[in-house]
Amino acid sequence: MTNPIQVQKFLGGVDYPANREKILSVARSHGADQRVIQLLEKIPDRVYEGPNAISREIGAN
């Protein structure tokens, strides 16, 4: 299972606030593996104010 800390390693440089597509784009450009991409694809498509908001969403799934 992928945890929020592992996901955050691939999100450095995200310019918040950011929507899911921007977050996915940055994760892909930083070489995120398929598990991380699939996890991020499952978060709601909304604007995230910062990395903690993404971590909370991942933790809820």
N, C-alpha and C. Protein backbone atom coordinates (compact mmCIF):
# COMPACT_ATOMS: atom_id res chain seq x y z
N MET A 1 0.84 -1.18 0.00
CA MET A 1 0.00 0.00 0.00
C MET A 1 0.88 1.25 0.00
N THR A 2 0.47 2.23 -0.75
CA THR A 2 1.21 3.48 -0.85
C THR A 2 0.68 4.46 0.19
N ASN A 3 1.57 5.05 0.97
CA ASN A 3 1.11 5.98 2.00
C ASN A 3 1.30 7.43 1.54
N PRO A 4 0.66 8.38 2.22
CA PRO A 4 0.74 9.78 1.80
C PRO A 4 2.16 10.34 1.74
N ILE A 5 3.05 9.88 2.61
CA ILE A 5 4.42 10.37 2.60
C ILE A 5 5.13 9.94 1.32
N GLN A 6 4.90 8.70 0.89
CA GLN A 6 5.49 8.23 -0.36
C GLN A 6 4.99 9.05 -1.54
N VAL A 7 3.71 9.39 -1.53
CA VAL A 7 3.12 10.18 -2.61
C VAL A 7 3.74 11.58 -2.64
N GLN A 8 3.92 12.19 -1.49
CA GLN A 8 4.44 13.56 -1.43
C GLN A 8 5.84 13.68 -2.04
N LYS A 9 6.60 12.59 -2.04
CA LYS A 9 7.93 12.62 -2.64
C LYS A 9 7.87 13.00 -4.11
N PHE A 10 6.76 12.70 -4.77
CA PHE A 10 6.62 12.96 -6.20
C PHE A 10 5.92 14.28 -6.50
N LEU A 11 5.54 15.01 -5.46
CA LEU A 11 4.76 16.23 -5.67
C LEU A 11 5.54 17.51 -5.40
N GLY A 12 6.84 17.40 -5.24
CA GLY A 12 7.64 18.60 -5.06
C GLY A 12 7.51 19.51 -6.28
N GLY A 13 7.31 20.78 -6.04
CA GLY A 13 7.19 21.72 -7.15
C GLY A 13 5.77 22.00 -7.60
N VAL A 14 4.78 21.35 -6.98
CA VAL A 14 3.39 21.67 -7.32
C VAL A 14 3.12 23.10 -6.87
N ASP A 15 2.56 23.88 -7.77
CA ASP A 15 2.22 25.28 -7.47
C ASP A 15 0.77 25.31 -6.99
N TYR A 16 0.61 25.35 -5.67
CA TYR A 16 -0.73 25.34 -5.07
C TYR A 16 -1.32 26.73 -5.08
N PRO A 17 -2.65 26.83 -5.15
CA PRO A 17 -3.62 25.75 -5.25
C PRO A 17 -3.51 25.05 -6.61
N ALA A 18 -3.82 23.75 -6.61
CA ALA A 18 -3.70 22.94 -7.82
C ALA A 18 -4.84 21.94 -7.90
N ASN A 19 -5.28 21.67 -9.13
CA ASN A 19 -6.33 20.67 -9.32
C ASN A 19 -5.70 19.29 -9.53
N ARG A 20 -6.54 18.29 -9.60
CA ARG A 20 -6.05 16.91 -9.72
C ARG A 20 -5.18 16.72 -10.96
N GLU A 21 -5.57 17.31 -12.08
CA GLU A 21 -4.78 17.12 -13.31
C GLU A 21 -3.38 17.69 -13.17
N LYS A 22 -3.25 18.85 -12.54
CA LYS A 22 -1.93 19.44 -12.32
C LYS A 22 -1.10 18.56 -11.39
N ILE A 23 -1.73 18.05 -10.35
CA ILE A 23 -1.05 17.17 -9.40
C ILE A 23 -0.56 15.91 -10.10
N LEU A 24 -1.41 15.33 -10.93
CA LEU A 24 -1.02 14.13 -11.68
C LEU A 24 0.12 14.44 -12.65
N SER A 25 0.06 15.57 -13.30
CA SER A 25 1.10 15.96 -14.25
C SER A 25 2.46 16.07 -13.56
N VAL A 26 2.49 16.72 -12.40
CA VAL A 26 3.75 16.86 -11.66
C VAL A 26 4.24 15.49 -11.19
N ALA A 27 3.34 14.67 -10.68
CA ALA A 27 3.74 13.33 -10.21
C ALA A 27 4.36 12.52 -11.35
N ARG A 28 3.73 12.57 -12.52
CA ARG A 28 4.28 11.83 -13.67
C ARG A 28 5.65 12.38 -14.07
N SER A 29 5.79 13.70 -14.07
CA SER A 29 7.07 14.30 -14.47
C SER A 29 8.19 13.98 -13.48
N HIS A 30 7.83 13.65 -12.24
CA HIS A 30 8.82 13.28 -11.24
C HIS A 30 9.02 11.76 -11.13
N GLY A 31 8.46 11.01 -12.08
CA GLY A 31 8.71 9.58 -12.15
C GLY A 31 7.90 8.72 -11.19
N ALA A 32 6.73 9.20 -10.80
CA ALA A 32 5.88 8.42 -9.90
C ALA A 32 5.53 7.07 -10.53
N ASP A 33 5.53 6.04 -9.71
CA ASP A 33 5.18 4.71 -10.23
C ASP A 33 3.66 4.59 -10.41
N GLN A 34 3.27 3.50 -11.02
CA GLN A 34 1.86 3.30 -11.36
C GLN A 34 0.95 3.29 -10.13
N ARG A 35 1.43 2.75 -9.02
CA ARG A 35 0.59 2.74 -7.80
C ARG A 35 0.27 4.15 -7.33
N VAL A 36 1.26 5.03 -7.37
CA VAL A 36 1.05 6.42 -6.95
C VAL A 36 0.09 7.11 -7.91
N ILE A 37 0.28 6.91 -9.20
CA ILE A 37 -0.60 7.53 -10.20
C ILE A 37 -2.03 7.05 -10.00
N GLN A 38 -2.22 5.76 -9.82
CA GLN A 38 -3.58 5.23 -9.61
C GLN A 38 -4.21 5.81 -8.35
N LEU A 39 -3.44 5.97 -7.31
CA LEU A 39 -3.95 6.55 -6.07
C LEU A 39 -4.38 8.00 -6.30
N LEU A 40 -3.55 8.77 -6.99
CA LEU A 40 -3.90 10.17 -7.26
C LEU A 40 -5.09 10.30 -8.21
N GLU A 41 -5.24 9.34 -9.11
CA GLU A 41 -6.39 9.37 -10.01
C GLU A 41 -7.70 9.17 -9.25
N LYS A 42 -7.64 8.59 -8.07
CA LYS A 42 -8.84 8.32 -7.28
C LYS A 42 -9.26 9.50 -6.40
N ILE A 43 -8.38 10.49 -6.20
CA ILE A 43 -8.78 11.62 -5.36
C ILE A 43 -9.81 12.45 -6.11
N PRO A 44 -10.72 13.10 -5.39
CA PRO A 44 -11.74 13.92 -6.06
C PRO A 44 -11.12 15.01 -6.93
N ASP A 45 -11.78 15.29 -8.04
CA ASP A 45 -11.32 16.32 -8.96
C ASP A 45 -11.76 17.68 -8.45
N ARG A 46 -10.90 18.28 -7.64
CA ARG A 46 -11.17 19.60 -7.07
C ARG A 46 -9.85 20.32 -6.89
N VAL A 47 -9.90 21.53 -6.40
CA VAL A 47 -8.68 22.29 -6.16
C VAL A 47 -8.17 21.99 -4.75
N TYR A 48 -6.88 21.68 -4.65
CA TYR A 48 -6.22 21.39 -3.38
C TYR A 48 -5.34 22.58 -3.00
N GLU A 49 -5.48 23.02 -1.77
CA GLU A 49 -4.77 24.21 -1.30
C GLU A 49 -3.32 23.94 -0.91
N GLY A 50 -2.98 22.68 -0.69
CA GLY A 50 -1.61 22.35 -0.31
C GLY A 50 -1.43 20.86 -0.16
N PRO A 51 -0.20 20.43 0.14
CA PRO A 51 0.09 19.00 0.25
C PRO A 51 -0.69 18.30 1.36
N ASN A 52 -1.01 19.00 2.44
CA ASN A 52 -1.77 18.37 3.52
C ASN A 52 -3.17 17.97 3.06
N ALA A 53 -3.77 18.76 2.19
CA ALA A 53 -5.10 18.43 1.67
C ALA A 53 -5.05 17.15 0.85
N ILE A 54 -3.99 16.96 0.09
CA ILE A 54 -3.84 15.73 -0.69
C ILE A 54 -3.62 14.55 0.24
N SER A 55 -2.78 14.73 1.24
CA SER A 55 -2.53 13.65 2.20
C SER A 55 -3.80 13.22 2.91
N ARG A 56 -4.62 14.19 3.30
CA ARG A 56 -5.90 13.85 3.96
C ARG A 56 -6.79 13.05 3.02
N GLU A 57 -6.85 13.43 1.76
CA GLU A 57 -7.68 12.72 0.79
C GLU A 57 -7.18 11.29 0.61
N ILE A 58 -5.87 11.12 0.50
CA ILE A 58 -5.29 9.79 0.33
C ILE A 58 -5.55 8.94 1.56
N GLY A 59 -5.40 9.53 2.72
CA GLY A 59 -5.65 8.81 3.97
C GLY A 59 -7.09 8.38 4.13
N ALA A 60 -8.01 9.11 3.51
CA ALA A 60 -9.43 8.79 3.61
C ALA A 60 -9.82 7.64 2.70
N ASN A 61 -8.98 7.33 1.71
CA ASN A 61 -9.30 6.26 0.76
C ASN A 61 -8.75 4.93 1.21
